[in-house]
Amino acid sequence: MTDLTPDAVLDASGLNCPEPVMMLHQHVRDLAAGGLLKVIATDPSTRRDIPKFCVFLGHDLVEQQEQAGTYLYWIRKNAG
């Protein structure tokens, strides 16, 4: 099983597109290479936007879950 203990948490609950991804960009920038960021969001558009963000910037979307209208993502920052 993958260890999903994050190095940092971004709670973007209640925010709508594009705010969660804008905040994600800043949080990933501040994270050390290889660090794991947990994102908590309530905007359904993050299901599309966050995976695209990871592909575009080369980060690893380790895990993605949905729990009662809350979307959870674990993103590992690329080493570059």
PDB file of N, CA and C in Angstrom:
ATOM      1  N   MET A   1       0.842  -1.195   0.000  1.00  0.00           N
ATOM      2  CA  MET A   1       0.000   0.000   0.000  1.00  0.00           C
ATOM      3  C   MET A   1       0.875   1.241   0.000  1.00  0.00           C
ATOM      4  N   THR A   2       0.444   2.245  -0.721  1.00  0.00           N
ATOM      5  CA  THR A   2       1.175   3.505  -0.815  1.00  0.00           C
ATOM      6  C   THR A   2       0.986   4.315   0.458  1.00  0.00           C
ATOM      7  N   ASP A   3       2.044   4.915   0.945  1.00  0.00           N
ATOM      8  CA  ASP A   3       1.972   5.800   2.105  1.00  0.00           C
ATOM      9  C   ASP A   3       1.417   7.142   1.640  1.00  0.00           C
ATOM     10  N   LEU A   4       0.243   7.512   2.119  1.00  0.00           N
ATOM     11  CA  LEU A   4      -0.390   8.757   1.698  1.00  0.00           C
ATOM     12  C   LEU A   4      -0.282   9.842   2.763  1.00  0.00           C
ATOM     13  N   THR A   5       0.733   9.756   3.620  1.00  0.00           N
ATOM     14  CA  THR A   5       0.946  10.789   4.620  1.00  0.00           C
ATOM     15  C   THR A   5       1.551  12.013   3.934  1.00  0.00           C
ATOM     16  N   PRO A   6       0.801  13.112   3.854  1.00  0.00           N
ATOM     17  CA  PRO A   6       1.283  14.269   3.094  1.00  0.00           C
ATOM     18  C   PRO A   6       2.318  15.090   3.856  1.00  0.00           C
ATOM     19  N   ASP A   7       3.166  15.765   3.073  1.00  0.00           N
ATOM     20  CA  ASP A   7       4.103  16.734   3.640  1.00  0.00           C
ATOM     21  C   ASP A   7       3.418  18.078   3.858  1.00  0.00           C
ATOM     22  N   ALA A   8       2.346  18.322   3.105  1.00  0.00           N
ATOM     23  CA  ALA A   8       1.576  19.557   3.225  1.00  0.00           C
ATOM     24  C   ALA A   8       0.147  19.282   2.789  1.00  0.00           C
ATOM     25  N   VAL A   9      -0.791  20.118   3.256  1.00  0.00           N
ATOM     26  CA  VAL A   9      -2.209  19.969   2.909  1.00  0.00           C
ATOM     27  C   VAL A   9      -2.724  21.303   2.383  1.00  0.00           C
ATOM     28  N   LEU A  10      -3.435  21.241   1.271  1.00  0.00           N
ATOM     29  CA  LEU A  10      -4.107  22.411   0.711  1.00  0.00           C
ATOM     30  C   LEU A  10      -5.601  22.167   0.828  1.00  0.00           C
ATOM     31  N   ASP A  11      -6.277  22.979   1.635  1.00  0.00           N
ATOM     32  CA  ASP A  11      -7.728  22.870   1.775  1.00  0.00           C
ATOM     33  C   ASP A  11      -8.368  23.946   0.906  1.00  0.00           C
ATOM     34  N   ALA A  12      -8.873  23.537  -0.250  1.00  0.00           N
ATOM     35  CA  ALA A  12      -9.522  24.460  -1.183  1.00  0.00           C
ATOM     36  C   ALA A  12     -11.038  24.292  -1.131  1.00  0.00           C
ATOM     37  N   SER A  13     -11.549  23.803  -0.021  1.00  0.00           N
ATOM     38  CA  SER A  13     -12.990  23.612   0.138  1.00  0.00           C
ATOM     39  C   SER A  13     -13.722  24.937  -0.021  1.00  0.00           C
ATOM     40  N   GLY A  14     -14.830  24.890  -0.759  1.00  0.00           N
ATOM     41  CA  GLY A  14     -15.641  26.087  -0.938  1.00  0.00           C
ATOM     42  C   GLY A  14     -15.180  26.994  -2.053  1.00  0.00           C
ATOM     43  N   LEU A  15     -14.027  26.714  -2.643  1.00  0.00           N
ATOM     44  CA  LEU A  15     -13.510  27.547  -3.726  1.00  0.00           C
ATOM     45  C   LEU A  15     -13.894  26.943  -5.069  1.00  0.00           C
ATOM     46  N   ASN A  16     -14.138  27.807  -6.040  1.00  0.00           N
ATOM     47  CA  ASN A  16     -14.525  27.358  -7.377  1.00  0.00           C
ATOM     48  C   ASN A  16     -13.433  27.676  -8.381  1.00  0.00           C
ATOM     49  N   CYS A  17     -13.471  26.949  -9.492  1.00  0.00           N
ATOM     50  CA  CYS A  17     -12.526  27.120 -10.584  1.00  0.00           C
ATOM     51  C   CYS A  17     -12.414  28.603 -10.947  1.00  0.00           C
ATOM     52  N   PRO A  18     -11.230  29.139 -11.112  1.00  0.00           N
ATOM     53  CA  PRO A  18      -9.928  28.465 -11.168  1.00  0.00           C
ATOM     54  C   PRO A  18      -9.140  28.500  -9.861  1.00  0.00           C
ATOM     55  N   GLU A  19      -9.750  28.955  -8.768  1.00  0.00           N
ATOM     56  CA  GLU A  19      -9.008  29.162  -7.516  1.00  0.00           C
ATOM     57  C   GLU A  19      -8.289  27.921  -6.989  1.00  0.00           C
ATOM     58  N   PRO A  20      -8.924  26.726  -6.949  1.00  0.00           N
ATOM     59  CA  PRO A  20      -8.186  25.567  -6.416  1.00  0.00           C
ATOM     60  C   PRO A  20      -6.884  25.276  -7.177  1.00  0.00           C
ATOM     61  N   VAL A  21      -6.908  25.378  -8.501  1.00  0.00           N
ATOM     62  CA  VAL A  21      -5.702  25.084  -9.284  1.00  0.00           C
ATOM     63  C   VAL A  21      -4.672  26.203  -9.124  1.00  0.00           C
ATOM     64  N   MET A  22      -5.133  27.447  -8.993  1.00  0.00           N
ATOM     65  CA  MET A  22      -4.190  28.548  -8.757  1.00  0.00           C
ATOM     66  C   MET A  22      -3.485  28.358  -7.408  1.00  0.00           C
ATOM     67  N   MET A  23      -4.240  27.972  -6.397  1.00  0.00           N
ATOM     68  CA  MET A  23      -3.645  27.713  -5.077  1.00  0.00           C
ATOM     69  C   MET A  23      -2.734  26.497  -5.133  1.00  0.00           C
ATOM     70  N   LEU A  24      -3.146  25.478  -5.876  1.00  0.00           N
ATOM     71  CA  LEU A  24      -2.335  24.276  -6.030  1.00  0.00           C
ATOM     72  C   LEU A  24      -0.978  24.609  -6.633  1.00  0.00           C
ATOM     73  N   HIS A  25      -0.987  25.466  -7.638  1.00  0.00           N
ATOM     74  CA  HIS A  25       0.262  25.856  -8.293  1.00  0.00           C
ATOM     75  C   HIS A  25       1.228  26.469  -7.280  1.00  0.00           C
ATOM     76  N   GLN A  26       0.722  27.353  -6.429  1.00  0.00           N
ATOM     77  CA  GLN A  26       1.563  27.999  -5.419  1.00  0.00           C
ATOM     78  C   GLN A  26       2.052  26.993  -4.381  1.00  0.00           C
ATOM     79  N   HIS A  27       1.186  26.103  -3.929  1.00  0.00           N
ATOM     80  CA  HIS A  27       1.578  25.125  -2.908  1.00  0.00           C
ATOM     81  C   HIS A  27       2.615  24.145  -3.439  1.00  0.00           C
ATOM     82  N   VAL A  28       2.458  23.708  -4.685  1.00  0.00           N
ATOM     83  CA  VAL A  28       3.433  22.786  -5.278  1.00  0.00           C
ATOM     84  C   VAL A  28       4.781  23.490  -5.409  1.00  0.00           C
ATOM     85  N   ARG A  29       4.766  24.753  -5.774  1.00  0.00           N
ATOM     86  CA  ARG A  29       6.007  25.518  -5.917  1.00  0.00           C
ATOM     87  C   ARG A  29       6.773  25.561  -4.587  1.00  0.00           C
ATOM     88  N   ASP A  30       6.035  25.675  -3.478  1.00  0.00           N
ATOM     89  CA  ASP A  30       6.663  25.769  -2.155  1.00  0.00           C
ATOM     90  C   ASP A  30       7.104  24.421  -1.594  1.00  0.00           C
ATOM     91  N   LEU A  31       6.643  23.331  -2.204  1.00  0.00           N
ATOM     92  CA  LEU A  31       6.930  21.979  -1.714  1.00  0.00           C
ATOM     93  C   LEU A  31       8.304  21.518  -2.197  1.00  0.00           C
ATOM     94  N   ALA A  32       8.998  20.782  -1.359  1.00  0.00           N
ATOM     95  CA  ALA A  32      10.290  20.224  -1.764  1.00  0.00           C
ATOM     96  C   ALA A  32      10.081  19.174  -2.847  1.00  0.00           C
ATOM     97  N   ALA A  33      11.079  19.006  -3.708  1.00  0.00           N
ATOM     98  CA  ALA A  33      11.013  17.981  -4.760  1.00  0.00           C
ATOM     99  C   ALA A  33      10.766  16.624  -4.129  1.00  0.00           C
ATOM    100  N   GLY A  34       9.826  15.875  -4.679  1.00  0.00           N
ATOM    101  CA  GLY A  34       9.473  14.567  -4.132  1.00  0.00           C
ATOM    102  C   GLY A  34       8.464  14.629  -3.003  1.00  0.00           C
ATOM    103  N   GLY A  35       8.081  15.840  -2.594  1.00  0.00           N
ATOM    104  CA  GLY A  35       7.125  16.006  -1.500  1.00  0.00           C
ATOM    105  C   GLY A  35       5.718  15.618  -1.920  1.00  0.00           C
ATOM    106  N   LEU A  36       4.900  15.233  -0.948  1.00  0.00           N
ATOM    107  CA  LEU A  36       3.525  14.811  -1.206  1.00  0.00           C
ATOM    108  C   LEU A  36       2.566  15.859  -0.664  1.00  0.00           C
ATOM    109  N   LEU A  37       1.687  16.347  -1.536  1.00  0.00           N
ATOM    110  CA  LEU A  37       0.691  17.354  -1.174  1.00  0.00           C
ATOM    111  C   LEU A  37      -0.690  16.722  -1.236  1.00  0.00           C
ATOM    112  N   LYS A  38      -1.470  16.899  -0.176  1.00  0.00           N
ATOM    113  CA  LYS A  38      -2.868  16.460  -0.178  1.00  0.00           C
ATOM    114  C   LYS A  38      -3.734  17.674  -0.460  1.00  0.00           C
ATOM    115  N   VAL A  39      -4.635  17.533  -1.429  1.00  0.00           N
ATOM    116  CA  VAL A  39      -5.551  18.611  -1.786  1.00  0.00           C
ATOM    117  C   VAL A  39      -6.967  18.182  -1.439  1.00  0.00           C
ATOM    118  N   ILE A  40      -7.683  19.066  -0.753  1.00  0.00           N
ATOM    119  CA  ILE A  40      -9.080  18.845  -0.402  1.00  0.00           C
ATOM    120  C   ILE A  40      -9.888  19.893  -1.153  1.00  0.00           C
ATOM    121  N   ALA A  41     -10.849  19.462  -1.958  1.00  0.00           N
ATOM    122  CA  ALA A  41     -11.633  20.396  -2.764  1.00  0.00           C
ATOM    123  C   ALA A  41     -13.094  19.975  -2.783  1.00  0.00           C
ATOM    124  N   THR A  42     -13.967  20.946  -3.061  1.00  0.00           N
ATOM    125  CA  THR A  42     -15.395  20.652  -3.183  1.00  0.00           C
ATOM    126  C   THR A  42     -15.912  20.978  -4.583  1.00  0.00           C
ATOM    127  N   ASP A  43     -15.096  21.581  -5.422  1.00  0.00           N
ATOM    128  CA  ASP A  43     -15.495  21.933  -6.782  1.00  0.00           C
ATOM    129  C   ASP A  43     -15.347  20.712  -7.690  1.00  0.00           C
ATOM    130  N   PRO A  44     -16.448  20.227  -8.287  1.00  0.00           N
ATOM    131  CA  PRO A  44     -16.360  19.043  -9.163  1.00  0.00           C
ATOM    132  C   PRO A  44     -15.416  19.228 -10.351  1.00  0.00           C
ATOM    133  N   SER A  45     -15.175  20.453 -10.774  1.00  0.00           N
ATOM    134  CA  SER A  45     -14.281  20.657 -11.922  1.00  0.00           C
ATOM    135  C   SER A  45     -12.842  20.265 -11.610  1.00  0.00           C
ATOM    136  N   THR A  46     -12.509  20.112 -10.322  1.00  0.00           N
ATOM    137  CA  THR A  46     -11.149  19.678  -9.975  1.00  0.00           C
ATOM    138  C   THR A  46     -10.892  18.253 -10.463  1.00  0.00           C
ATOM    139  N   ARG A  47     -11.951  17.474 -10.684  1.00  0.00           N
ATOM    140  CA  ARG A  47     -11.766  16.107 -11.201  1.00  0.00           C
ATOM    141  C   ARG A  47     -11.121  16.132 -12.583  1.00  0.00           C
ATOM    142  N   ARG A  48     -11.355  17.196 -13.318  1.00  0.00           N
ATOM    143  CA  ARG A  48     -10.744  17.378 -14.634  1.00  0.00           C
ATOM    144  C   ARG A  48      -9.454  18.195 -14.520  1.00  0.00           C
ATOM    145  N   ASP A  49      -9.516  19.284 -13.753  1.00  0.00           N
ATOM    146  CA  ASP A  49      -8.422  20.256 -13.729  1.00  0.00           C
ATOM    147  C   ASP A  49      -7.162  19.750 -13.048  1.00  0.00           C
ATOM    148  N   ILE A  50      -7.290  19.059 -11.930  1.00  0.00           N
ATOM    149  CA  ILE A  50      -6.101  18.631 -11.181  1.00  0.00           C
ATOM    150  C   ILE A  50      -5.323  17.547 -11.924  1.00  0.00           C
ATOM    151  N   PRO A  51      -5.980  16.510 -12.489  1.00  0.00           N
ATOM    152  CA  PRO A  51      -5.194  15.555 -13.293  1.00  0.00           C
ATOM    153  C   PRO A  51      -4.489  16.225 -14.477  1.00  0.00           C
ATOM    154  N   LYS A  52      -5.162  17.181 -15.149  1.00  0.00           N
ATOM    155  CA  LYS A  52      -4.534  17.883 -16.270  1.00  0.00           C
ATOM    156  C   LYS A  52      -3.340  18.711 -15.794  1.00  0.00           C
ATOM    157  N   PHE A  53      -3.479  19.359 -14.637  1.00  0.00           N
ATOM    158  CA  PHE A  53      -2.388  20.125 -14.042  1.00  0.00           C
ATOM    159  C   PHE A  53      -1.173  19.224 -13.827  1.00  0.00           C
ATOM    160  N   CYS A  54      -1.405  18.022 -13.282  1.00  0.00           N
ATOM    161  CA  CYS A  54      -0.305  17.096 -12.996  1.00  0.00           C
ATOM    162  C   CYS A  54       0.378  16.632 -14.285  1.00  0.00           C
ATOM    163  N   VAL A  55      -0.403  16.289 -15.287  1.00  0.00           N
ATOM    164  CA  VAL A  55       0.168  15.845 -16.564  1.00  0.00           C
ATOM    165  C   VAL A  55       0.972  16.970 -17.198  1.00  0.00           C
ATOM    166  N   PHE A  56       0.406  18.164 -17.211  1.00  0.00           N
ATOM    167  CA  PHE A  56       1.045  19.305 -17.863  1.00  0.00           C
ATOM    168  C   PHE A  56       2.383  19.660 -17.211  1.00  0.00           C
ATOM    169  N   LEU A  57       2.432  19.592 -15.876  1.00  0.00           N
ATOM    170  CA  LEU A  57       3.644  19.996 -15.161  1.00  0.00           C
ATOM    171  C   LEU A  57       4.519  18.819 -14.735  1.00  0.00           C
ATOM    172  N   GLY A  58       4.094  17.590 -15.043  1.00  0.00           N
ATOM    173  CA  GLY A  58       4.928  16.426 -14.777  1.00  0.00           C
ATOM    174  C   GLY A  58       4.915  15.931 -13.348  1.00  0.00           C
ATOM    175  N   HIS A  59       3.876  16.292 -12.587  1.00  0.00           N
ATOM    176  CA  HIS A  59       3.756  15.794 -11.222  1.00  0.00           C
ATOM    177  C   HIS A  59       2.978  14.480 -11.232  1.00  0.00           C
ATOM    178  N   ASP A  60       3.120  13.698 -10.169  1.00  0.00           N
ATOM    179  CA  ASP A  60       2.496  12.385 -10.098  1.00  0.00           C
ATOM    180  C   ASP A  60       1.225  12.468  -9.258  1.00  0.00           C
ATOM    181  N   LEU A  61       0.071  12.202  -9.882  1.00  0.00           N
ATOM    182  CA  LEU A  61      -1.180  12.111  -9.141  1.00  0.00           C
ATOM    183  C   LEU A  61      -1.237  10.706  -8.546  1.00  0.00           C
ATOM    184  N   VAL A  62      -0.841  10.608  -7.279  1.00  0.00           N
ATOM    185  CA  VAL A  62      -0.668   9.313  -6.616  1.00  0.00           C
ATOM    186  C   VAL A  62      -2.010   8.655  -6.327  1.00  0.00           C
ATOM    187  N   GLU A  63      -2.973   9.461  -5.889  1.00  0.00           N
ATOM    188  CA  GLU A  63      -4.271   8.927  -5.472  1.00  0.00           C
ATOM    189  C   GLU A  63      -5.320  10.009  -5.660  1.00  0.00           C
ATOM    190  N   GLN A  64      -6.551   9.552  -5.944  1.00  0.00           N
ATOM    191  CA  GLN A  64      -7.675  10.463  -6.147  1.00  0.00           C
ATOM    192  C   GLN A  64      -8.900   9.782  -5.563  1.00  0.00           C
ATOM    193  N   GLN A  65      -9.629  10.474  -4.678  1.00  0.00           N
ATOM    194  CA  GLN A  65     -10.808   9.885  -4.040  1.00  0.00           C
ATOM    195  C   GLN A  65     -11.933  10.902  -4.008  1.00  0.00           C
ATOM    196  N   GLU A  66     -13.145  10.393  -3.926  1.00  0.00           N
ATOM    197  CA  GLU A  66     -14.320  11.245  -3.731  1.00  0.00           C
ATOM    198  C   GLU A  66     -15.088  10.714  -2.546  1.00  0.00           C
ATOM    199  N   GLN A  67     -15.401  11.609  -1.600  1.00  0.00           N
ATOM    200  CA  GLN A  67     -16.135  11.204  -0.404  1.00  0.00           C
ATOM    201  C   GLN A  67     -17.234  12.229  -0.137  1.00  0.00           C
ATOM    202  N   ALA A  68     -18.468  11.873  -0.452  1.00  0.00           N
ATOM    203  CA  ALA A  68     -19.641  12.704  -0.148  1.00  0.00           C
ATOM    204  C   ALA A  68     -19.477  14.146  -0.640  1.00  0.00           C
ATOM    205  N   GLY A  69     -19.105  14.309  -1.901  1.00  0.00           N
ATOM    206  CA  GLY A  69     -18.992  15.645  -2.469  1.00  0.00           C
ATOM    207  C   GLY A  69     -17.686  16.357  -2.188  1.00  0.00           C
ATOM    208  N   THR A  70     -16.774  15.681  -1.519  1.00  0.00           N
ATOM    209  CA  THR A  70     -15.438  16.232  -1.285  1.00  0.00           C
ATOM    210  C   THR A  70     -14.455  15.423  -2.116  1.00  0.00           C
ATOM    211  N   TYR A  71     -13.575  16.128  -2.798  1.00  0.00           N
ATOM    212  CA  TYR A  71     -12.602  15.491  -3.691  1.00  0.00           C
ATOM    213  C   TYR A  71     -11.228  15.587  -3.047  1.00  0.00           C
ATOM    214  N   LEU A  72     -10.562  14.443  -2.965  1.00  0.00           N
ATOM    215  CA  LEU A  72      -9.245  14.364  -2.328  1.00  0.00           C
ATOM    216  C   LEU A  72      -8.222  13.923  -3.363  1.00  0.00           C
ATOM    217  N   TYR A  73      -7.069  14.592  -3.341  1.00  0.00           N
ATOM    218  CA  TYR A  73      -5.981  14.292  -4.286  1.00  0.00           C
ATOM    219  C   TYR A  73      -4.674  14.258  -3.522  1.00  0.00           C
ATOM    220  N   TRP A  74      -3.826  13.324  -3.882  1.00  0.00           N
ATOM    221  CA  TRP A  74      -2.468  13.273  -3.352  1.00  0.00           C
ATOM    222  C   TRP A  74      -1.524  13.429  -4.542  1.00  0.00           C
ATOM    223  N   ILE A  75      -0.727  14.479  -4.505  1.00  0.00           N
ATOM    224  CA  ILE A  75       0.144  14.827  -5.631  1.00  0.00           C
ATOM    225  C   ILE A  75       1.588  14.833  -5.165  1.00  0.00           C
ATOM    226  N   ARG A  76       2.428  14.067  -5.876  1.00  0.00           N
ATOM    227  CA  ARG A  76       3.855  14.051  -5.570  1.00  0.00           C
ATOM    228  C   ARG A  76       4.565  14.977  -6.542  1.00  0.00           C
ATOM    229  N   LYS A  77       5.278  15.944  -5.972  1.00  0.00           N
ATOM    230  CA  LYS A  77       5.992  16.912  -6.808  1.00  0.00           C
ATOM    231  C   LYS A  77       7.143  16.222  -7.550  1.00  0.00           C
ATOM    232  N   ASN A  78       7.298  16.563  -8.814  1.00  0.00           N
ATOM    233  CA  ASN A  78       8.377  15.970  -9.599  1.00  0.00           C
ATOM    234  C   ASN A  78       9.729  16.443  -9.073  1.00  0.00           C
ATOM    235  N   ALA A  79      10.746  15.679  -9.363  1.00  0.00           N
ATOM    236  CA  ALA A  79      12.082  15.974  -8.846  1.00  0.00           C
ATOM    237  C   ALA A  79      12.756  17.112  -9.597  1.00  0.00           C
ATOM    238  N   GLY A  80      12.230  17.454 -10.776  1.00  0.00           N
ATOM    239  CA  GLY A  80      12.839  18.500 -11.597  1.00  0.00           C
ATOM    240  C   GLY A  80      12.475  19.818 -11.090  1.00  0.00           C
TER     241      GLY A  80
END
